[in-house]
PDB file of N, CA and C in Angstrom:
ATOM      1  N   MET A   1      99.343 113.542 102.385  1.00  0.00           N
ATOM      2  CA  MET A   1      99.128 112.669 101.261  1.00  0.00           C
ATOM      3  C   MET A   1      98.561 111.351 101.769  1.00  0.00           C
ATOM      4  N   GLN A   2      97.572 110.870 101.072  1.00  0.00           N
ATOM      5  CA  GLN A   2      96.918 109.628 101.448  1.00  0.00           C
ATOM      6  C   GLN A   2      97.430 108.507 100.545  1.00  0.00           C
ATOM      7  N   ILE A   3      97.824 107.389 101.129  1.00  0.00           N
ATOM      8  CA  ILE A   3      98.338 106.251 100.380  1.00  0.00           C
ATOM      9  C   ILE A   3      97.401 105.077 100.580  1.00  0.00           C
ATOM     10  N   ASN A   4      96.822 104.587  99.480  1.00  0.00           N
ATOM     11  CA  ASN A   4      95.924 103.434  99.513  1.00  0.00           C
ATOM     12  C   ASN A   4      96.644 102.249  98.890  1.00  0.00           C
ATOM     13  N   VAL A   5      96.786 101.168  99.623  1.00  0.00           N
ATOM     14  CA  VAL A   5      97.440  99.962  99.130  1.00  0.00           C
ATOM     15  C   VAL A   5      96.397  98.866  99.050  1.00  0.00           C
ATOM     16  N   SER A   6      96.241  98.281  97.862  1.00  0.00           N
ATOM     17  CA  SER A   6      95.278  97.198  97.679  1.00  0.00           C
ATOM     18  C   SER A   6      95.939  96.065  96.914  1.00  0.00           C
ATOM     19  N   GLY A   7      95.327  94.912  96.978  1.00  0.00           N
ATOM     20  CA  GLY A   7      95.864  93.750  96.295  1.00  0.00           C
ATOM     21  C   GLY A   7      94.866  93.184  95.317  1.00  0.00           C
ATOM     22  N   HIS A   8      95.362  92.779  94.169  1.00  0.00           N
ATOM     23  CA  HIS A   8      94.532  92.130  93.164  1.00  0.00           C
ATOM     24  C   HIS A   8      94.904  90.658  93.175  1.00  0.00           C
ATOM     25  N   GLN A   9      94.065  89.827  93.760  1.00  0.00           N
ATOM     26  CA  GLN A   9      94.295  88.404  93.964  1.00  0.00           C
ATOM     27  C   GLN A   9      95.518  88.149  94.849  1.00  0.00           C
ATOM     28  N   VAL A  10      95.808  89.107  95.733  1.00  0.00           N
ATOM     29  CA  VAL A  10      96.911  88.990  96.685  1.00  0.00           C
ATOM     30  C   VAL A  10      96.418  89.527  98.022  1.00  0.00           C
ATOM     31  N   ALA A  11      96.731  88.812  99.083  1.00  0.00           N
ATOM     32  CA  ALA A  11      96.413  89.314 100.416  1.00  0.00           C
ATOM     33  C   ALA A  11      97.516  90.284 100.834  1.00  0.00           C
ATOM     34  N   VAL A  12      97.129  91.515 101.097  1.00  0.00           N
ATOM     35  CA  VAL A  12      98.095  92.538 101.490  1.00  0.00           C
ATOM     36  C   VAL A  12      98.282  92.450 102.999  1.00  0.00           C
ATOM     37  N   THR A  13      99.447  92.016 103.400  1.00  0.00           N
ATOM     38  CA  THR A  13      99.752  91.880 104.813  1.00  0.00           C
ATOM     39  C   THR A  13     100.116  93.247 105.398  1.00  0.00           C
ATOM     40  N   PRO A  14     100.024  93.397 106.698  1.00  0.00           N
ATOM     41  CA  PRO A  14     100.435  94.668 107.305  1.00  0.00           C
ATOM     42  C   PRO A  14     101.896  95.011 107.018  1.00  0.00           C
ATOM     43  N   ALA A  15     102.757  94.010 106.906  1.00  0.00           N
ATOM     44  CA  ALA A  15     104.166  94.269 106.595  1.00  0.00           C
ATOM     45  C   ALA A  15     104.315  94.842 105.186  1.00  0.00           C
ATOM     46  N   LEU A  16     103.574  94.279 104.215  1.00  0.00           N
ATOM     47  CA  LEU A  16     103.614  94.813 102.845  1.00  0.00           C
ATOM     48  C   LEU A  16     103.062  96.230 102.798  1.00  0.00           C
ATOM     49  N   ARG A  17     101.959  96.458 103.494  1.00  0.00           N
ATOM     50  CA  ARG A  17     101.338  97.788 103.510  1.00  0.00           C
ATOM     51  C   ARG A  17     102.295  98.820 104.120  1.00  0.00           C
ATOM     52  N   GLU A  18     102.931  98.461 105.219  1.00  0.00           N
ATOM     53  CA  GLU A  18     103.869  99.375 105.871  1.00  0.00           C
ATOM     54  C   GLU A  18     105.093  99.633 105.000  1.00  0.00           C
ATOM     55  N   TYR A  19     105.590  98.593 104.309  1.00  0.00           N
ATOM     56  CA  TYR A  19     106.755  98.743 103.438  1.00  0.00           C
ATOM     57  C   TYR A  19     106.439  99.669 102.263  1.00  0.00           C
ATOM     58  N   ALA A  20     105.286  99.461 101.622  1.00  0.00           N
ATOM     59  CA  ALA A  20     104.897 100.302 100.483  1.00  0.00           C
ATOM     60  C   ALA A  20     104.668 101.742 100.935  1.00  0.00           C
ATOM     61  N   THR A  21     104.028 101.928 102.067  1.00  0.00           N
ATOM     62  CA  THR A  21     103.780 103.271 102.585  1.00  0.00           C
ATOM     63  C   THR A  21     105.088 103.982 102.906  1.00  0.00           C
ATOM     64  N   GLY A  22     106.025 103.278 103.518  1.00  0.00           N
ATOM     65  CA  GLY A  22     107.318 103.878 103.849  1.00  0.00           C
ATOM     66  C   GLY A  22     108.109 104.287 102.622  1.00  0.00           C
ATOM     67  N   LYS A  23     108.077 103.446 101.592  1.00  0.00           N
ATOM     68  CA  LYS A  23     108.815 103.759 100.363  1.00  0.00           C
ATOM     69  C   LYS A  23     108.201 104.945  99.622  1.00  0.00           C
ATOM     70  N   LEU A  24     106.882 105.040  99.631  1.00  0.00           N
ATOM     71  CA  LEU A  24     106.221 106.100  98.867  1.00  0.00           C
ATOM     72  C   LEU A  24     106.177 107.425  99.616  1.00  0.00           C
ATOM     73  N   GLU A  25     106.389 107.407 100.922  1.00  0.00           N
ATOM     74  CA  GLU A  25     106.396 108.665 101.676  1.00  0.00           C
ATOM     75  C   GLU A  25     107.615 109.520 101.355  1.00  0.00           C
ATOM     76  N   ARG A  26     108.679 108.910 100.843  1.00  0.00           N
ATOM     77  CA  ARG A  26     109.866 109.697 100.508  1.00  0.00           C
ATOM     78  C   ARG A  26     109.629 110.600  99.297  1.00  0.00           C
ATOM     79  N   ILE A  27     108.599 110.297  98.503  1.00  0.00           N
ATOM     80  CA  ILE A  27     108.277 111.128  97.342  1.00  0.00           C
ATOM     81  C   ILE A  27     107.780 112.500  97.788  1.00  0.00           C
ATOM     82  N   VAL A  28     107.147 112.564  98.940  1.00  0.00           N
ATOM     83  CA  VAL A  28     106.625 113.828  99.459  1.00  0.00           C
ATOM     84  C   VAL A  28     107.761 114.808  99.732  1.00  0.00           C
ATOM     85  N   ARG A  29     108.941 114.305 100.029  1.00  0.00           N
ATOM     86  CA  ARG A  29     110.090 115.190 100.279  1.00  0.00           C
ATOM     87  C   ARG A  29     110.473 115.990  99.040  1.00  0.00           C
ATOM     88  N   HIS A  30     110.192 115.450  97.865  1.00  0.00           N
ATOM     89  CA  HIS A  30     110.558 116.140  96.627  1.00  0.00           C
ATOM     90  C   HIS A  30     109.463 117.083  96.139  1.00  0.00           C
ATOM     91  N   PHE A  31     108.210 116.738  96.418  1.00  0.00           N
ATOM     92  CA  PHE A  31     107.102 117.530  95.884  1.00  0.00           C
ATOM     93  C   PHE A  31     105.944 117.443  96.869  1.00  0.00           C
ATOM     94  N   GLU A  32     105.566 118.576  97.465  1.00  0.00           N
ATOM     95  CA  GLU A  32     104.578 118.588  98.541  1.00  0.00           C
ATOM     96  C   GLU A  32     103.131 118.613  98.042  1.00  0.00           C
ATOM     97  N   HIS A  33     102.895 118.935  96.773  1.00  0.00           N
ATOM     98  CA  HIS A  33     101.536 119.132  96.269  1.00  0.00           C
ATOM     99  C   HIS A  33     100.942 117.847  95.712  1.00  0.00           C
ATOM    100  N   LEU A  34     100.990 116.790  96.483  1.00  0.00           N
ATOM    101  CA  LEU A  34     100.429 115.509  96.079  1.00  0.00           C
ATOM    102  C   LEU A  34      99.174 115.225  96.894  1.00  0.00           C
ATOM    103  N   HIS A  35      98.129 114.749  96.220  1.00  0.00           N
ATOM    104  CA  HIS A  35      96.879 114.458  96.916  1.00  0.00           C
ATOM    105  C   HIS A  35      96.843 113.032  97.438  1.00  0.00           C
ATOM    106  N   ASP A  36      96.900 112.074  96.539  1.00  0.00           N
ATOM    107  CA  ASP A  36      96.821 110.689  96.981  1.00  0.00           C
ATOM    108  C   ASP A  36      97.552 109.766  96.014  1.00  0.00           C
ATOM    109  N   VAL A  37      97.860 108.584  96.533  1.00  0.00           N
ATOM    110  CA  VAL A  37      98.523 107.546  95.757  1.00  0.00           C
ATOM    111  C   VAL A  37      97.715 106.265  95.937  1.00  0.00           C
ATOM    112  N   THR A  38      97.429 105.611  94.828  1.00  0.00           N
ATOM    113  CA  THR A  38      96.757 104.323  94.863  1.00  0.00           C
ATOM    114  C   THR A  38      97.735 103.274  94.356  1.00  0.00           C
ATOM    115  N   VAL A  39      98.066 102.311  95.201  1.00  0.00           N
ATOM    116  CA  VAL A  39      99.015 101.258  94.860  1.00  0.00           C
ATOM    117  C   VAL A  39      98.245  99.945  94.761  1.00  0.00           C
ATOM    118  N   THR A  40      98.460  99.220  93.662  1.00  0.00           N
ATOM    119  CA  THR A  40      97.829  97.920  93.468  1.00  0.00           C
ATOM    120  C   THR A  40      98.923  96.870  93.315  1.00  0.00           C
ATOM    121  N   LEU A  41      98.894  95.871  94.163  1.00  0.00           N
ATOM    122  CA  LEU A  41      99.859  94.776  94.118  1.00  0.00           C
ATOM    123  C   LEU A  41      99.162  93.547  93.543  1.00  0.00           C
ATOM    124  N   SER A  42      99.835  92.856  92.617  1.00  0.00           N
ATOM    125  CA  SER A  42      99.225  91.684  91.999  1.00  0.00           C
ATOM    126  C   SER A  42     100.288  90.650  91.659  1.00  0.00           C
ATOM    127  N   VAL A  43      99.823  89.444  91.344  1.00  0.00           N
ATOM    128  CA  VAL A  43     100.700  88.336  90.989  1.00  0.00           C
ATOM    129  C   VAL A  43     100.224  87.761  89.663  1.00  0.00           C
ATOM    130  N   GLU A  44     101.161  87.583  88.723  1.00  0.00           N
ATOM    131  CA  GLU A  44     100.863  86.918  87.455  1.00  0.00           C
ATOM    132  C   GLU A  44     101.877  85.803  87.259  1.00  0.00           C
ATOM    133  N   LYS A  45     101.484  84.599  87.490  1.00  0.00           N
ATOM    134  CA  LYS A  45     102.331  83.405  87.421  1.00  0.00           C
ATOM    135  C   LYS A  45     103.594  83.587  88.250  1.00  0.00           C
ATOM    136  N   LEU A  46     104.743  83.821  87.626  1.00  0.00           N
ATOM    137  CA  LEU A  46     105.989  83.938  88.372  1.00  0.00           C
ATOM    138  C   LEU A  46     106.388  85.384  88.661  1.00  0.00           C
ATOM    139  N   LEU A  47     105.688  86.346  88.073  1.00  0.00           N
ATOM    140  CA  LEU A  47     106.044  87.751  88.260  1.00  0.00           C
ATOM    141  C   LEU A  47     105.140  88.428  89.275  1.00  0.00           C
ATOM    142  N   GLN A  48     105.745  89.241  90.098  1.00  0.00           N
ATOM    143  CA  GLN A  48     105.016  90.062  91.066  1.00  0.00           C
ATOM    144  C   GLN A  48     104.941  91.471  90.476  1.00  0.00           C
ATOM    145  N   LYS A  49     103.764  92.064  90.469  1.00  0.00           N
ATOM    146  CA  LYS A  49     103.586  93.383  89.871  1.00  0.00           C
ATOM    147  C   LYS A  49     103.138  94.390  90.915  1.00  0.00           C
ATOM    148  N   ALA A  50     103.623  95.612  90.744  1.00  0.00           N
ATOM    149  CA  ALA A  50     103.182  96.734  91.571  1.00  0.00           C
ATOM    150  C   ALA A  50     102.876  97.894  90.643  1.00  0.00           C
ATOM    151  N   GLU A  51     101.693  98.467  90.776  1.00  0.00           N
ATOM    152  CA  GLU A  51     101.275  99.606  89.967  1.00  0.00           C
ATOM    153  C   GLU A  51     100.842 100.728  90.899  1.00  0.00           C
ATOM    154  N   ALA A  52     101.080 101.963  90.468  1.00  0.00           N
ATOM    155  CA  ALA A  52     100.688 103.104  91.295  1.00  0.00           C
ATOM    156  C   ALA A  52     100.186 104.233  90.409  1.00  0.00           C
ATOM    157  N   THR A  53      99.181 104.924  90.909  1.00  0.00           N
ATOM    158  CA  THR A  53      98.663 106.127  90.275  1.00  0.00           C
ATOM    159  C   THR A  53      98.715 107.236  91.298  1.00  0.00           C
ATOM    160  N   LEU A  54      99.380 108.326  90.942  1.00  0.00           N
ATOM    161  CA  LEU A  54      99.616 109.439  91.853  1.00  0.00           C
ATOM    162  C   LEU A  54      98.893 110.663  91.306  1.00  0.00           C
ATOM    163  N   ARG A  55      98.126 111.340  92.140  1.00  0.00           N
ATOM    164  CA  ARG A  55      97.394 112.536  91.716  1.00  0.00           C
ATOM    165  C   ARG A  55      98.020 113.772  92.355  1.00  0.00           C
ATOM    166  N   CYS A  56      98.347 114.754  91.512  1.00  0.00           N
ATOM    167  CA  CYS A  56      98.965 115.995  91.983  1.00  0.00           C
ATOM    168  C   CYS A  56      97.894 117.074  92.142  1.00  0.00           C
ATOM    169  N   ALA A  57      98.297 118.213  92.685  1.00  0.00           N
ATOM    170  CA  ALA A  57      97.374 119.303  92.971  1.00  0.00           C
ATOM    171  C   ALA A  57      96.835 119.949  91.704  1.00  0.00           C
ATOM    172  N   ASN A  58      97.606 119.963  90.639  1.00  0.00           N
ATOM    173  CA  ASN A  58      97.183 120.650  89.424  1.00  0.00           C
ATOM    174  C   ASN A  58      96.578 119.681  88.409  1.00  0.00           C
ATOM    175  N   SER A  59      95.851 118.679  88.860  1.00  0.00           N
ATOM    176  CA  SER A  59      95.146 117.693  88.040  1.00  0.00           C
ATOM    177  C   SER A  59      96.075 116.825  87.212  1.00  0.00           C
ATOM    178  N   LYS A  60      97.321 116.769  87.556  1.00  0.00           N
ATOM    179  CA  LYS A  60      98.283 115.918  86.868  1.00  0.00           C
ATOM    180  C   LYS A  60      98.218 114.524  87.472  1.00  0.00           C
ATOM    181  N   ILE A  61      98.171 113.505  86.623  1.00  0.00           N
ATOM    182  CA  ILE A  61      98.152 112.122  87.070  1.00  0.00           C
ATOM    183  C   ILE A  61      99.423 111.457  86.586  1.00  0.00           C
ATOM    184  N   ILE A  62     100.153 110.854  87.512  1.00  0.00           N
ATOM    185  CA  ILE A  62     101.395 110.158  87.201  1.00  0.00           C
ATOM    186  C   ILE A  62     101.171 108.678  87.467  1.00  0.00           C
ATOM    187  N   HIS A  63     101.501 107.853  86.479  1.00  0.00           N
ATOM    188  CA  HIS A  63     101.295 106.409  86.596  1.00  0.00           C
ATOM    189  C   HIS A  63     102.615 105.687  86.374  1.00  0.00           C
ATOM    190  N   ALA A  64     102.850 104.644  87.141  1.00  0.00           N
ATOM    191  CA  ALA A  64     104.039 103.815  86.975  1.00  0.00           C
ATOM    192  C   ALA A  64     103.707 102.386  87.367  1.00  0.00           C
ATOM    193  N   ASP A  65     104.422 101.452  86.752  1.00  0.00           N
ATOM    194  CA  ASP A  65     104.277 100.062  87.145  1.00  0.00           C
ATOM    195  C   ASP A  65     105.641  99.388  87.103  1.00  0.00           C
ATOM    196  N   ALA A  66     105.765  98.311  87.870  1.00  0.00           N
ATOM    197  CA  ALA A  66     107.026  97.596  87.971  1.00  0.00           C
ATOM    198  C   ALA A  66     106.757  96.115  88.160  1.00  0.00           C
ATOM    199  N   GLN A  67     107.686  95.295  87.656  1.00  0.00           N
ATOM    200  CA  GLN A  67     107.594  93.847  87.809  1.00  0.00           C
ATOM    201  C   GLN A  67     108.905  93.319  88.346  1.00  0.00           C
ATOM    202  N   ALA A  68     108.818  92.317  89.179  1.00  0.00           N
ATOM    203  CA  ALA A  68     110.007  91.656  89.719  1.00  0.00           C
ATOM    204  C   ALA A  68     109.603  90.263  90.196  1.00  0.00           C
ATOM    205  N   THR A  69     110.600  89.492  90.591  1.00  0.00           N
ATOM    206  CA  THR A  69     110.299  88.155  91.097  1.00  0.00           C
ATOM    207  C   THR A  69     109.863  88.190  92.554  1.00  0.00           C
ATOM    208  N   ASP A  70     110.143  89.292  93.237  1.00  0.00           N
ATOM    209  CA  ASP A  70     109.779  89.478  94.639  1.00  0.00           C
ATOM    210  C   ASP A  70     108.908  90.728  94.744  1.00  0.00           C
ATOM    211  N   LEU A  71     107.880  90.674  95.557  1.00  0.00           N
ATOM    212  CA  LEU A  71     106.967  91.821  95.673  1.00  0.00           C
ATOM    213  C   LEU A  71     107.651  93.026  96.308  1.00  0.00           C
ATOM    214  N   TYR A  72     108.554  92.806  97.234  1.00  0.00           N
ATOM    215  CA  TYR A  72     109.284  93.912  97.855  1.00  0.00           C
ATOM    216  C   TYR A  72     110.202  94.592  96.839  1.00  0.00           C
ATOM    217  N   ALA A  73     110.831  93.804  95.965  1.00  0.00           N
ATOM    218  CA  ALA A  73     111.684  94.374  94.915  1.00  0.00           C
ATOM    219  C   ALA A  73     110.847  95.170  93.916  1.00  0.00           C
ATOM    220  N   ALA A  74     109.640  94.707  93.615  1.00  0.00           N
ATOM    221  CA  ALA A  74     108.756  95.437  92.702  1.00  0.00           C
ATOM    222  C   ALA A  74     108.351  96.774  93.313  1.00  0.00           C
ATOM    223  N   ILE A  75     108.117  96.801  94.615  1.00  0.00           N
ATOM    224  CA  ILE A  75     107.771  98.057  95.287  1.00  0.00           C
ATOM    225  C   ILE A  75     108.959  99.013  95.255  1.00  0.00           C
ATOM    226  N   ASP A  76     110.173  98.494  95.433  1.00  0.00           N
ATOM    227  CA  ASP A  76     111.375  99.339  95.347  1.00  0.00           C
ATOM    228  C   ASP A  76     111.509  99.982  93.971  1.00  0.00           C
ATOM    229  N   VAL A  77     111.359  99.187  92.923  1.00  0.00           N
ATOM    230  CA  VAL A  77     111.473  99.697  91.555  1.00  0.00           C
ATOM    231  C   VAL A  77     110.362 100.713  91.283  1.00  0.00           C
ATOM    232  N   LEU A  78     109.169 100.427  91.759  1.00  0.00           N
ATOM    233  CA  LEU A  78     108.043 101.343  91.575  1.00  0.00           C
ATOM    234  C   LEU A  78     108.304 102.683  92.249  1.00  0.00           C
ATOM    235  N   ALA A  79     108.815 102.660  93.465  1.00  0.00           N
ATOM    236  CA  ALA A  79     109.106 103.905  94.184  1.00  0.00           C
ATOM    237  C   ALA A  79     110.174 104.711  93.452  1.00  0.00           C
ATOM    238  N   ASP A  80     111.186 104.044  92.906  1.00  0.00           N
ATOM    239  CA  ASP A  80     112.226 104.746  92.155  1.00  0.00           C
ATOM    240  C   ASP A  80     111.655 105.399  90.893  1.00  0.00           C
ATOM    241  N   LYS A  81     110.793 104.682  90.190  1.00  0.00           N
ATOM    242  CA  LYS A  81     110.181 105.232  88.976  1.00  0.00           C
ATOM    243  C   LYS A  81     109.311 106.445  89.302  1.00  0.00           C
ATOM    244  N   LEU A  82     108.492 106.334  90.335  1.00  0.00           N
ATOM    245  CA  LEU A  82     107.636 107.456  90.724  1.00  0.00           C
ATOM    246  C   LEU A  82     108.468 108.650  91.178  1.00  0.00           C
ATOM    247  N   ASP A  83     109.553 108.388  91.879  1.00  0.00           N
ATOM    248  CA  ASP A  83     110.434 109.450  92.343  1.00  0.00           C
ATOM    249  C   ASP A  83     111.009 110.228  91.164  1.00  0.00           C
ATOM    250  N   ARG A  84     111.483 109.517  90.154  1.00  0.00           N
ATOM    251  CA  ARG A  84     112.024 110.184  88.959  1.00  0.00           C
ATOM    252  C   ARG A  84     110.958 110.989  88.237  1.00  0.00           C
ATOM    253  N   GLN A  85     109.748 110.433  88.106  1.00  0.00           N
ATOM    254  CA  GLN A  85     108.683 111.134  87.404  1.00  0.00           C
ATOM    255  C   GLN A  85     108.240 112.386  88.154  1.00  0.00           C
ATOM    256  N   VAL A  86     108.187 112.312  89.473  1.00  0.00           N
ATOM    257  CA  VAL A  86     107.786 113.479  90.272  1.00  0.00           C
ATOM    258  C   VAL A  86     108.850 114.568  90.179  1.00  0.00           C
ATOM    259  N   LYS A  87     110.124 114.200  90.217  1.00  0.00           N
ATOM    260  CA  LYS A  87     111.190 115.186  90.069  1.00  0.00           C
ATOM    261  C   LYS A  87     111.111 115.866  88.711  1.00  0.00           C
ATOM    262  N   LYS A  88     110.856 115.097  87.658  1.00  0.00           N
ATOM    263  CA  LYS A  88     110.749 115.658  86.318  1.00  0.00           C
ATOM    264  C   LYS A  88     109.552 116.604  86.224  1.00  0.00           C
ATOM    265  N   HIS A  89     108.430 116.219  86.825  1.00  0.00           N
ATOM    266  CA  HIS A  89     107.246 117.073  86.814  1.00  0.00           C
ATOM    267  C   HIS A  89     107.512 118.383  87.562  1.00  0.00           C
ATOM    268  N   LYS A  90     108.216 118.306  88.670  1.00  0.00           N
ATOM    269  CA  LYS A  90     108.526 119.503  89.448  1.00  0.00           C
ATOM    270  C   LYS A  90     109.449 120.434  88.669  1.00  0.00           C
ATOM    271  N   GLU A  91     110.424 119.878  87.959  1.00  0.00           N
ATOM    272  CA  GLU A  91     111.320 120.702  87.151  1.00  0.00           C
ATOM    273  C   GLU A  91     110.577 121.394  86.018  1.00  0.00           C
ATOM    274  N   LYS A  92     109.574 120.736  85.461  1.00  0.00           N
ATOM    275  CA  LYS A  92     108.788 121.363  84.397  1.00  0.00           C
ATOM    276  C   LYS A  92     107.980 122.548  84.923  1.00  0.00           C
ATOM    277  N   LEU A  93     107.573 122.479  86.188  1.00  0.00           N
ATOM    278  CA  LEU A  93     106.781 123.562  86.765  1.00  0.00           C
ATOM    279  C   LEU A  93     107.616 124.808  87.055  1.00  0.00           C
ATOM    280  N   THR A  94     108.885 124.612  87.398  1.00  0.00           N
ATOM    281  CA  THR A  94     109.746 125.756  87.688  1.00  0.00           C
ATOM    282  C   THR A  94     110.349 126.269  86.396  1.00  0.00           C
ATOM    283  N   ARG A  95     110.518 127.560  86.319  1.00  0.00           N
ATOM    284  CA  ARG A  95     111.029 128.173  85.099  1.00  0.00           C
ATOM    285  C   ARG A  95     112.539 128.351  85.236  1.00  0.00           C
ATOM    286  N   HIS A  96     113.276 127.905  84.235  1.00  0.00           N
ATOM    287  CA  HIS A  96     114.726 127.933  84.286  1.00  0.00           C
ATOM    288  C   HIS A  96     115.317 128.894  83.262  1.00  0.00           C
ATOM    289  N   ASP A  97     114.517 129.763  82.722  1.00  0.00           N
ATOM    290  CA  ASP A  97     114.979 130.665  81.683  1.00  0.00           C
ATOM    291  C   ASP A  97     115.620 131.889  82.332  1.00  0.00           C
ATOM    292  N   ARG A  98     116.926 131.998  82.278  1.00  0.00           N
ATOM    293  CA  ARG A  98     117.640 133.091  82.952  1.00  0.00           C
ATOM    294  C   ARG A  98     117.483 134.423  82.220  1.00  0.00           C
ATOM    295  N   ASP A  99     117.350 134.387  80.904  1.00  0.00           N
ATOM    296  CA  ASP A  99     117.233 135.639  80.153  1.00  0.00           C
ATOM    297  C   ASP A  99     115.969 136.402  80.521  1.00  0.00           C
ATOM    298  N   SER A 100     114.863 135.724  80.706  1.00  0.00           N
ATOM    299  CA  SER A 100     113.630 136.411  81.072  1.00  0.00           C
ATOM    300  C   SER A 100     113.737 137.011  82.471  1.00  0.00           C
ATOM    301  N   VAL A 101     114.464 136.361  83.352  1.00  0.00           N
ATOM    302  CA  VAL A 101     114.659 136.888  84.705  1.00  0.00           C
ATOM    303  C   VAL A 101     115.519 138.147  84.653  1.00  0.00           C
ATOM    304  N   ARG A 102     116.557 138.153  83.826  1.00  0.00           N
ATOM    305  CA  ARG A 102     117.416 139.316  83.689  1.00  0.00           C
ATOM    306  C   ARG A 102     116.655 140.511  83.108  1.00  0.00           C
ATOM    307  N   LEU A 103     115.804 140.237  82.098  1.00  0.00           N
ATOM    308  CA  LEU A 103     115.029 141.325  81.494  1.00  0.00           C
ATOM    309  C   LEU A 103     114.030 141.911  82.495  1.00  0.00           C
ATOM    310  N   ALA A 104     113.420 141.055  83.285  1.00  0.00           N
ATOM    311  CA  ALA A 104     112.473 141.540  84.288  1.00  0.00           C
ATOM    312  C   ALA A 104     113.183 142.364  85.350  1.00  0.00           C
ATOM    313  N   ALA A 105     114.411 142.005  85.706  1.00  0.00           N
ATOM    314  CA  ALA A 105     115.180 142.761  86.690  1.00  0.00           C
ATOM    315  C   ALA A 105     115.592 144.113  86.153  1.00  0.00           C
ATOM    316  N   ARG A 106     115.923 144.179  84.879  1.00  0.00           N
ATOM    317  CA  ARG A 106     116.312 145.454  84.271  1.00  0.00           C
ATOM    318  C   ARG A 106     115.144 146.415  84.159  1.00  0.00           C
ATOM    319  N   GLN A 107     113.945 145.872  83.871  1.00  0.00           N
ATOM    320  CA  GLN A 107     112.781 146.714  83.703  1.00  0.00           C
ATOM    321  C   GLN A 107     112.267 147.234  85.030  1.00  0.00           C
ATOM    322  N   ALA A 108     112.529 146.551  86.097  1.00  0.00           N
ATOM    323  CA  ALA A 108     112.008 146.937  87.401  1.00  0.00           C
ATOM    324  C   ALA A 108     112.803 148.058  88.032  1.00  0.00           C
TER     325      ALA A 108
END
């Protein structure tokens, strides 16, 4: 998975880039079919914003954004939101209907 970190009117330091990359790499543990993540960090007056767009293998696009008073806290909230959305997407892909599995086993 490729992670692109950019800043909108913010200089992205190597420490910020490494922190965002480390937080977003944990999402791969839940779902391996991810292509790339684009993270945009920005500042609006007193709020620090972090936005991310994640592209999956089956043309699914997951978007999340977070705001906080600290840019590191915004990245934490963003990673948590993306983690929840990826888990939900993965659960939708797997079939949980036990009756259809039982019928298929009986017919076989």
